[in-house]
N, C-alpha and C. Protein backbone atom coordinates (compact mmCIF):
# COMPACT_ATOMS: atom_id res chain seq x y z
N MET A 1 10.31 105.29 -25.31
CA MET A 1 11.43 106.64 -25.64
C MET A 1 12.60 106.27 -24.87
N LYS A 2 12.13 106.96 -23.62
CA LYS A 2 12.99 106.76 -22.46
C LYS A 2 13.93 105.88 -22.16
N PHE A 3 13.63 104.21 -22.36
CA PHE A 3 14.43 103.29 -22.57
C PHE A 3 15.30 103.11 -23.79
N ALA A 4 14.92 103.83 -24.68
CA ALA A 4 15.87 103.92 -26.45
C ALA A 4 16.79 104.59 -25.81
N GLN A 5 16.64 105.86 -25.53
CA GLN A 5 17.86 107.05 -24.82
C GLN A 5 18.72 106.26 -23.87
N LEU A 6 18.36 106.06 -22.37
CA LEU A 6 18.89 105.20 -21.69
C LEU A 6 19.50 104.09 -22.27
N GLY A 7 19.73 103.09 -23.40
CA GLY A 7 20.19 102.33 -23.82
C GLY A 7 21.42 102.83 -24.60
N LYS A 8 21.36 104.01 -25.52
CA LYS A 8 22.21 104.94 -26.29
C LYS A 8 23.19 104.82 -25.05
N ARG A 9 23.15 105.70 -24.27
CA ARG A 9 24.06 105.86 -23.45
C ARG A 9 24.46 105.29 -22.69
N LEU A 10 24.37 103.74 -22.14
CA LEU A 10 24.81 102.84 -21.30
C LEU A 10 26.09 102.42 -22.79
N ILE A 11 25.52 102.49 -24.24
CA ILE A 11 26.51 101.65 -25.37
C ILE A 11 28.18 103.12 -25.33
N VAL A 12 27.57 104.01 -24.86
CA VAL A 12 28.50 105.24 -25.04
C VAL A 12 29.20 105.29 -23.88
N MET A 13 29.38 104.70 -22.73
CA MET A 13 29.41 104.39 -21.67
C MET A 13 30.44 103.17 -21.34
N LEU A 14 29.82 102.72 -22.06
CA LEU A 14 30.55 101.09 -22.35
C LEU A 14 31.76 100.94 -23.44
N LEU A 15 31.79 102.07 -24.49
CA LEU A 15 32.00 102.05 -25.80
C LEU A 15 33.50 102.84 -24.82
N LEU A 16 33.12 104.12 -24.04
CA LEU A 16 34.35 104.74 -23.51
C LEU A 16 35.25 103.74 -22.51
N ALA A 17 34.54 103.13 -22.01
CA ALA A 17 35.17 102.75 -21.07
C ALA A 17 36.05 101.40 -21.51
N ALA A 18 35.51 101.15 -23.00
CA ALA A 18 36.49 100.01 -23.64
C ALA A 18 37.39 100.60 -24.33
N SER A 19 37.15 101.90 -24.86
CA SER A 19 38.53 102.48 -25.12
C SER A 19 39.64 102.91 -24.44
N GLN A 20 39.40 103.17 -22.92
CA GLN A 20 40.47 103.60 -22.15
C GLN A 20 41.07 102.46 -21.67
N ALA A 21 40.49 101.06 -21.16
CA ALA A 21 41.05 99.75 -21.15
C ALA A 21 41.80 99.16 -22.15
N LEU A 22 41.54 99.58 -23.46
CA LEU A 22 42.46 99.29 -24.90
C LEU A 22 43.64 100.34 -24.64
N ALA A 23 42.97 101.41 -24.24
CA ALA A 23 44.56 102.23 -24.05
C ALA A 23 45.42 101.90 -23.30
N ALA A 24 44.86 101.97 -21.70
CA ALA A 24 45.86 101.20 -20.95
C ALA A 24 46.82 100.16 -20.94
N SER A 25 45.85 99.21 -21.34
CA SER A 25 46.42 97.63 -22.11
C SER A 25 47.57 97.97 -23.08
N GLN A 26 47.35 99.28 -24.03
CA GLN A 26 49.26 99.07 -25.52
C GLN A 26 49.62 99.98 -24.17
N TRP A 27 50.02 100.35 -23.26
CA TRP A 27 50.89 100.72 -22.69
C TRP A 27 51.31 100.47 -21.87
N ASP A 28 50.42 99.23 -21.12
CA ASP A 28 51.15 98.56 -20.15
C ASP A 28 52.62 98.11 -19.75
N GLU A 29 53.05 97.43 -20.92
CA GLU A 29 54.36 96.84 -21.06
C GLU A 29 55.07 98.28 -20.68
N SER A 30 55.28 99.03 -21.50
CA SER A 30 56.09 100.20 -21.67
C SER A 30 56.01 101.10 -20.43
N ALA A 31 55.09 101.27 -19.30
CA ALA A 31 54.72 101.98 -18.43
C ALA A 31 55.68 100.96 -17.30
N SER A 32 55.50 99.91 -17.29
CA SER A 32 56.54 98.79 -16.41
C SER A 32 57.54 98.66 -16.51
N ALA A 33 57.45 98.71 -17.32
CA ALA A 33 59.67 99.06 -17.87
C ALA A 33 60.17 100.52 -17.52
N LEU A 34 59.35 100.98 -17.87
CA LEU A 34 60.37 102.67 -17.24
C LEU A 34 60.37 102.69 -15.59
N ALA A 35 59.01 102.43 -15.28
CA ALA A 35 58.28 102.58 -13.74
C ALA A 35 59.82 101.14 -12.72
N LEU A 36 59.84 100.12 -13.15
CA LEU A 36 61.54 99.56 -12.68
C LEU A 36 62.69 100.31 -12.74
N LYS A 37 62.57 100.89 -14.07
CA LYS A 37 63.88 102.08 -14.19
C LYS A 37 63.90 102.78 -13.08
N ILE A 38 63.11 103.58 -13.04
CA ILE A 38 62.90 104.14 -12.37
C ILE A 38 62.90 104.11 -10.62
N VAL A 39 62.57 102.75 -9.59
CA VAL A 39 62.51 102.48 -8.62
C VAL A 39 64.13 102.06 -8.83
N ALA A 40 64.77 101.69 -9.93
CA ALA A 40 66.15 101.17 -9.63
C ALA A 40 67.56 102.09 -9.32
N VAL A 41 66.61 103.60 -9.76
CA VAL A 41 67.31 105.00 -9.36
C VAL A 41 66.87 105.11 -8.16
N PHE A 42 65.52 104.99 -7.48
CA PHE A 42 65.03 105.88 -6.91
C PHE A 42 64.77 105.27 -5.75
N GLY A 43 64.61 104.30 -5.65
CA GLY A 43 64.36 102.99 -4.40
C GLY A 43 62.82 103.30 -4.16
N ALA A 44 62.63 103.42 -2.87
CA ALA A 44 61.60 103.57 -2.03
C ALA A 44 60.95 105.16 -1.48
N GLY A 45 60.14 105.76 -1.35
CA GLY A 45 60.01 106.85 -0.66
C GLY A 45 58.64 107.69 -1.71
N GLN A 46 58.58 109.40 -1.46
CA GLN A 46 57.31 109.73 -1.92
C GLN A 46 58.26 111.04 -3.12
N ALA A 47 57.60 110.93 -4.12
CA ALA A 47 58.13 111.55 -5.10
C ALA A 47 56.69 112.35 -5.43
N ARG A 48 56.75 113.73 -6.13
CA ARG A 48 55.93 114.05 -7.23
C ARG A 48 55.85 113.28 -8.49
N LEU A 49 54.98 113.50 -9.12
CA LEU A 49 55.32 112.98 -11.07
C LEU A 49 54.97 113.73 -11.59
N GLU A 50 55.75 114.53 -12.95
CA GLU A 50 54.73 115.34 -13.71
C GLU A 50 55.15 114.36 -14.68
N ILE A 51 53.96 114.67 -15.52
CA ILE A 51 53.77 114.18 -16.70
C ILE A 51 54.20 115.18 -17.93
N ARG A 52 54.74 115.39 -18.95
CA ARG A 52 54.77 116.40 -20.22
C ARG A 52 55.00 115.15 -21.81
N ASN A 53 53.78 115.75 -22.00
CA ASN A 53 53.34 115.12 -23.51
C ASN A 53 53.81 116.05 -24.32
N GLN A 54 54.72 115.48 -25.17
CA GLN A 54 55.78 116.14 -26.31
C GLN A 54 55.88 115.16 -27.53
N SER A 55 54.58 114.91 -27.81
CA SER A 55 54.12 113.69 -28.07
C SER A 55 53.41 113.77 -29.22
N SER A 56 52.88 112.75 -30.21
CA SER A 56 51.06 112.52 -30.63
C SER A 56 50.65 111.91 -29.89
N LEU A 57 50.42 111.41 -28.84
CA LEU A 57 49.67 111.22 -28.12
C LEU A 57 48.76 111.66 -27.67
N SER A 58 47.58 110.85 -27.43
CA SER A 58 46.38 111.95 -26.79
C SER A 58 46.46 112.19 -25.82
N SER A 59 45.83 113.15 -25.13
CA SER A 59 45.77 113.23 -23.86
C SER A 59 44.37 112.15 -22.78
N GLN A 60 44.04 111.18 -23.77
CA GLN A 60 43.46 109.99 -23.10
C GLN A 60 44.78 109.17 -22.75
N ASP A 61 45.49 109.25 -24.20
CA ASP A 61 46.28 107.88 -23.73
C ASP A 61 47.60 108.61 -22.83
N VAL A 62 47.69 109.93 -22.67
CA VAL A 62 48.61 110.46 -21.61
C VAL A 62 48.14 110.35 -20.68
N ALA A 63 46.77 109.88 -20.09
CA ALA A 63 45.92 109.76 -19.01
C ALA A 63 46.41 108.59 -18.34
N ALA A 64 45.65 107.78 -19.12
CA ALA A 64 45.78 106.19 -19.27
C ALA A 64 47.55 105.54 -18.67
N ILE A 65 48.22 106.54 -19.27
CA ILE A 65 50.03 106.37 -19.12
C ILE A 65 50.28 107.10 -17.28
N ARG A 66 50.00 107.88 -17.16
CA ARG A 66 49.74 108.50 -15.84
C ARG A 66 49.38 107.26 -14.81
N LYS A 67 48.74 107.00 -15.15
CA LYS A 67 47.67 105.51 -14.46
C LYS A 67 48.21 104.88 -13.73
N LEU A 68 49.43 104.08 -15.10
CA LEU A 68 49.69 103.21 -15.05
C LEU A 68 51.33 102.91 -14.37
N LEU A 69 51.87 104.33 -14.20
CA LEU A 69 52.96 104.90 -13.71
C LEU A 69 53.19 104.39 -12.60
N GLU A 70 51.71 105.70 -12.39
CA GLU A 70 51.72 105.82 -10.75
C GLU A 70 51.15 104.22 -9.86
N THR A 71 50.45 103.45 -10.86
CA THR A 71 49.88 102.18 -10.22
C THR A 71 51.50 101.02 -9.73
N ASP A 72 51.96 101.27 -10.92
CA ASP A 72 53.39 100.61 -11.25
C ASP A 72 54.82 100.43 -9.83
N LEU A 73 54.74 102.13 -10.06
CA LEU A 73 55.34 103.09 -8.97
C LEU A 73 55.52 102.46 -7.63
N LYS A 74 54.14 102.86 -7.06
CA LYS A 74 53.11 102.73 -5.47
C LYS A 74 53.93 100.74 -5.85
N GLN A 75 53.52 100.53 -6.32
CA GLN A 75 53.96 98.85 -5.79
C GLN A 75 55.29 98.14 -5.99
N HIS A 76 55.56 99.22 -6.36
CA HIS A 76 57.46 99.13 -6.30
C HIS A 76 57.82 100.33 -4.75
N GLY A 77 57.15 100.64 -4.33
CA GLY A 77 57.07 101.23 -2.85
C GLY A 77 57.35 103.00 -2.85
N ILE A 78 57.08 103.81 -4.51
CA ILE A 78 57.27 105.03 -4.77
C ILE A 78 55.95 105.40 -4.61
N VAL A 79 55.21 106.24 -3.69
CA VAL A 79 54.19 106.78 -3.51
C VAL A 79 54.14 108.07 -4.37
N THR A 80 53.58 108.51 -5.30
CA THR A 80 53.48 109.70 -6.11
C THR A 80 52.42 110.95 -5.68
N GLY A 81 51.97 111.82 -5.96
CA GLY A 81 51.12 113.09 -5.48
C GLY A 81 52.02 113.60 -4.29
N ALA A 82 52.87 113.64 -3.47
CA ALA A 82 53.14 114.37 -2.23
C ALA A 82 53.70 115.42 -3.11
N ASN A 83 53.28 116.83 -3.35
CA ASN A 83 53.25 118.14 -3.31
C ASN A 83 54.84 118.78 -2.53
N ASP A 84 54.86 118.33 -0.75
CA ASP A 84 55.67 118.44 -0.08
C ASP A 84 57.03 118.16 -0.79
N SER A 85 56.91 116.67 -1.35
CA SER A 85 58.49 116.22 -1.62
C SER A 85 59.30 116.92 -2.14
N ALA A 86 60.54 117.06 -1.74
CA ALA A 86 61.81 117.38 -2.23
C ALA A 86 61.86 116.74 -3.41
N ASP A 87 61.87 115.73 -3.82
CA ASP A 87 62.00 114.30 -4.45
C ASP A 87 61.09 114.92 -6.33
N GLU A 88 61.52 114.39 -7.11
CA GLU A 88 60.49 114.63 -8.23
C GLU A 88 60.86 113.94 -9.36
N VAL A 89 59.73 112.97 -10.39
CA VAL A 89 60.28 112.39 -11.07
C VAL A 89 59.34 113.26 -11.83
N ARG A 90 60.05 113.67 -13.24
CA ARG A 90 59.64 114.06 -14.28
C ARG A 90 59.91 113.60 -15.58
N VAL A 91 58.61 113.23 -16.22
CA VAL A 91 58.16 112.09 -17.45
C VAL A 91 58.09 112.82 -18.54
N THR A 92 58.84 112.84 -19.51
CA THR A 92 58.28 112.86 -20.68
C THR A 92 57.96 112.17 -21.52
N LEU A 93 57.13 112.40 -22.25
CA LEU A 93 56.26 111.30 -23.65
C LEU A 93 56.95 111.79 -25.18
N SER A 94 57.77 111.18 -25.73
CA SER A 94 58.02 112.13 -26.69
C SER A 94 58.31 110.91 -27.61
N GLU A 95 58.83 111.10 -29.31
CA GLU A 95 59.26 110.40 -29.58
C GLU A 95 60.36 110.79 -31.09
N ASN A 96 61.09 110.39 -31.34
CA ASN A 96 61.85 110.62 -32.99
C ASN A 96 61.08 110.04 -33.91
N LEU A 97 62.20 109.49 -35.24
CA LEU A 97 61.21 109.11 -36.02
C LEU A 97 60.34 108.06 -36.45
N SER A 98 61.20 106.93 -36.08
CA SER A 98 60.50 106.19 -35.69
C SER A 98 59.84 104.81 -35.06
N GLN A 99 60.37 105.79 -33.29
CA GLN A 99 59.75 105.31 -32.29
C GLN A 99 59.22 106.05 -31.56
N ARG A 100 58.14 105.60 -29.85
CA ARG A 100 57.92 106.43 -29.12
C ARG A 100 59.64 106.27 -27.69
N VAL A 101 59.73 107.51 -27.41
CA VAL A 101 60.76 107.50 -26.47
C VAL A 101 60.31 108.15 -25.15
N TRP A 102 60.17 107.08 -23.85
CA TRP A 102 59.61 108.13 -22.89
C TRP A 102 61.19 108.48 -22.27
N VAL A 103 61.00 109.37 -21.42
CA VAL A 103 62.26 109.67 -20.34
C VAL A 103 61.87 110.45 -19.63
N ALA A 104 62.71 109.59 -18.51
CA ALA A 104 62.61 110.16 -16.84
C ALA A 104 63.64 110.61 -16.14
N GLU A 105 63.48 112.18 -15.62
CA GLU A 105 64.27 112.48 -14.84
C GLU A 105 64.01 112.35 -13.66
N ILE A 106 64.83 112.23 -12.81
CA ILE A 106 64.61 111.75 -11.49
C ILE A 106 65.65 112.73 -11.27
N GLN A 107 65.04 113.40 -9.46
CA GLN A 107 65.66 114.46 -9.19
C GLN A 107 65.51 113.85 -8.09
N LEU A 108 66.68 113.56 -7.27
CA LEU A 108 66.63 113.35 -5.82
C LEU A 108 68.04 114.36 -5.03
N GLY A 109 67.05 115.42 -4.26
CA GLY A 109 67.62 116.26 -3.43
C GLY A 109 68.14 116.90 -4.70
N ASN A 110 70.01 117.56 -4.64
CA ASN A 110 70.38 118.02 -5.41
C ASN A 110 71.17 117.40 -6.76
N GLU A 111 70.78 116.11 -6.85
CA GLU A 111 71.23 114.94 -8.12
C GLU A 111 69.83 114.39 -8.80
N THR A 112 70.04 114.75 -10.31
CA THR A 112 69.55 114.54 -11.32
C THR A 112 69.84 113.20 -12.10
N LYS A 113 69.34 112.00 -12.11
CA LYS A 113 69.13 111.04 -13.10
C LYS A 113 68.65 111.32 -13.82
N VAL A 114 68.76 109.97 -15.70
CA VAL A 114 67.62 110.20 -16.33
C VAL A 114 67.99 108.97 -16.64
N VAL A 115 66.76 107.68 -17.06
CA VAL A 115 66.37 107.02 -17.70
C VAL A 115 65.52 106.73 -18.59
N MET A 116 65.48 106.39 -19.46
CA MET A 116 64.42 106.13 -20.52
C MET A 116 64.11 104.74 -20.89
N THR A 117 63.37 104.72 -21.71
CA THR A 117 62.37 103.36 -22.33
C THR A 117 61.95 103.61 -23.59
N LEU A 118 61.98 103.12 -24.87
CA LEU A 118 61.44 103.23 -25.93
C LEU A 118 59.96 102.04 -25.95
N ALA A 119 58.96 102.84 -26.14
CA ALA A 119 57.41 102.56 -25.80
C ALA A 119 56.72 101.82 -27.09
N GLY A 120 57.86 101.82 -28.07
CA GLY A 120 56.98 101.02 -29.36
C GLY A 120 56.84 102.17 -30.53
N PRO A 121 57.07 101.48 -31.56
CA PRO A 121 57.03 101.89 -33.27
C PRO A 121 56.25 102.83 -33.54
N LEU A 122 56.11 103.92 -33.71
CA LEU A 122 55.42 105.32 -34.90
C LEU A 122 54.26 104.16 -35.50
N LYS A 123 53.14 104.68 -35.05
CA LYS A 123 52.59 104.33 -36.32
C LYS A 123 52.06 105.38 -37.31
N THR A 124 52.31 106.64 -37.11
CA THR A 124 51.37 108.29 -38.07
C THR A 124 51.65 108.41 -39.26
N ALA A 125 51.11 108.77 -39.69
CA ALA A 125 51.41 109.69 -41.22
C ALA A 125 52.67 110.55 -41.01
N ALA A 126 52.38 110.91 -40.27
CA ALA A 126 53.54 112.18 -39.43
C ALA A 126 54.89 111.54 -39.62
N GLY A 127 54.88 110.53 -38.75
CA GLY A 127 56.12 109.69 -38.74
C GLY A 127 56.98 108.99 -39.94
N LEU A 128 55.88 108.67 -40.91
CA LEU A 128 56.37 108.09 -41.87
C LEU A 128 56.46 108.97 -43.10
N SER A 129 55.94 110.48 -42.83
CA SER A 129 56.44 111.36 -44.05
C SER A 129 57.63 111.71 -43.83
N ARG A 130 58.20 112.32 -42.09
CA ARG A 130 59.11 112.20 -42.29
C ARG A 130 60.10 111.64 -42.33
N ALA A 131 60.18 110.65 -42.00
CA ALA A 131 61.17 109.40 -42.45
C ALA A 131 61.34 109.47 -43.32
N SER A 132 60.76 109.11 -44.76
CA SER A 132 61.22 109.96 -45.97
C SER A 132 61.35 110.74 -46.37
N LEU A 133 60.96 111.81 -45.99
CA LEU A 133 61.79 113.43 -46.99
C LEU A 133 63.50 113.38 -46.03
N LEU A 134 63.67 112.89 -44.91
CA LEU A 134 65.07 111.93 -44.83
C LEU A 134 66.21 111.35 -45.44
N LEU A 135 65.12 110.31 -46.02
CA LEU A 135 65.45 109.44 -46.55
C LEU A 135 66.31 109.91 -48.24
N GLN A 136 64.95 110.81 -48.55
CA GLN A 136 65.31 111.10 -50.19
C GLN A 136 65.96 112.65 -50.29
N ALA A 137 67.06 112.86 -49.44
CA ALA A 137 67.87 114.17 -48.89
C ALA A 137 68.98 113.89 -49.86
N SER A 138 69.11 115.00 -50.62
CA SER A 138 70.72 114.85 -51.49
C SER A 138 71.23 116.65 -51.31
N PRO A 139 72.59 116.80 -52.12
CA PRO A 139 73.25 117.12 -52.31
C PRO A 139 72.69 118.73 -52.80
N LEU A 140 72.79 120.22 -52.59
CA LEU A 140 71.83 121.25 -52.89
C LEU A 140 73.31 121.97 -54.31
N LEU A 141 74.33 121.28 -53.60
CA LEU A 141 75.17 121.91 -54.62
C LEU A 141 76.25 121.23 -55.16
N THR A 142 76.87 120.85 -56.39
CA THR A 142 78.01 120.38 -56.46
C THR A 142 79.22 120.87 -57.18
N VAL A 143 80.47 121.07 -56.78
CA VAL A 143 81.30 121.88 -57.16
C VAL A 143 82.47 120.73 -57.38
N ALA A 144 82.83 120.98 -59.09
CA ALA A 144 83.89 120.47 -59.62
C ALA A 144 85.08 121.15 -59.37
N ARG A 145 86.25 120.30 -59.09
CA ARG A 145 87.50 120.80 -58.94
C ARG A 145 88.06 120.67 -60.50
N MET A 146 89.05 121.76 -60.60
CA MET A 146 90.12 120.56 -62.16
C MET A 146 91.07 121.03 -61.69
N SER A 147 91.48 120.19 -61.74
CA SER A 147 92.83 119.12 -61.83
C SER A 147 94.24 120.89 -62.36
N PRO A 148 95.64 120.87 -61.46
CA PRO A 148 96.69 121.70 -61.95
C PRO A 148 96.72 121.72 -63.33
N THR A 149 96.41 120.94 -64.26
CA THR A 149 97.01 120.97 -65.13
C THR A 149 96.32 121.59 -66.51
N GLU A 150 95.00 121.44 -65.80
CA GLU A 150 93.44 122.26 -66.76
C GLU A 150 93.96 123.41 -66.85
N GLU A 151 94.22 123.72 -65.49
CA GLU A 151 94.16 125.28 -65.19
C GLU A 151 94.76 126.23 -66.14
């Protein structure tokens, strides 16, 4: 009986680990692209990293993206997590009607610069329904004008 419970727990742990690895690999290319753009503006040094999720991404995806960004930034000389640093990188994970859009605001002293990258197409039903509503837009009122001779 105890062996069966241990086996079930092990399976659950393996499934969780596999889903986290899949989420990380799904965002790897986009995180690397954004990190390179940040490094091009920031250079090397210490910065606070703030991640804001304004999209439909799950908290697990956001955690995986944060980890990928921290790793990529560190590989290029930006150490994150320094709370006493005046420099800050604020990443907003958002989306438009068809794409995921990641925006990084880079605060260097008194100067702010912005870089962004597309992180793949939306695959949610909400994104598709919003697009279809936009495509079905039509005028609410049509006004007919009379020519001067008809008046």
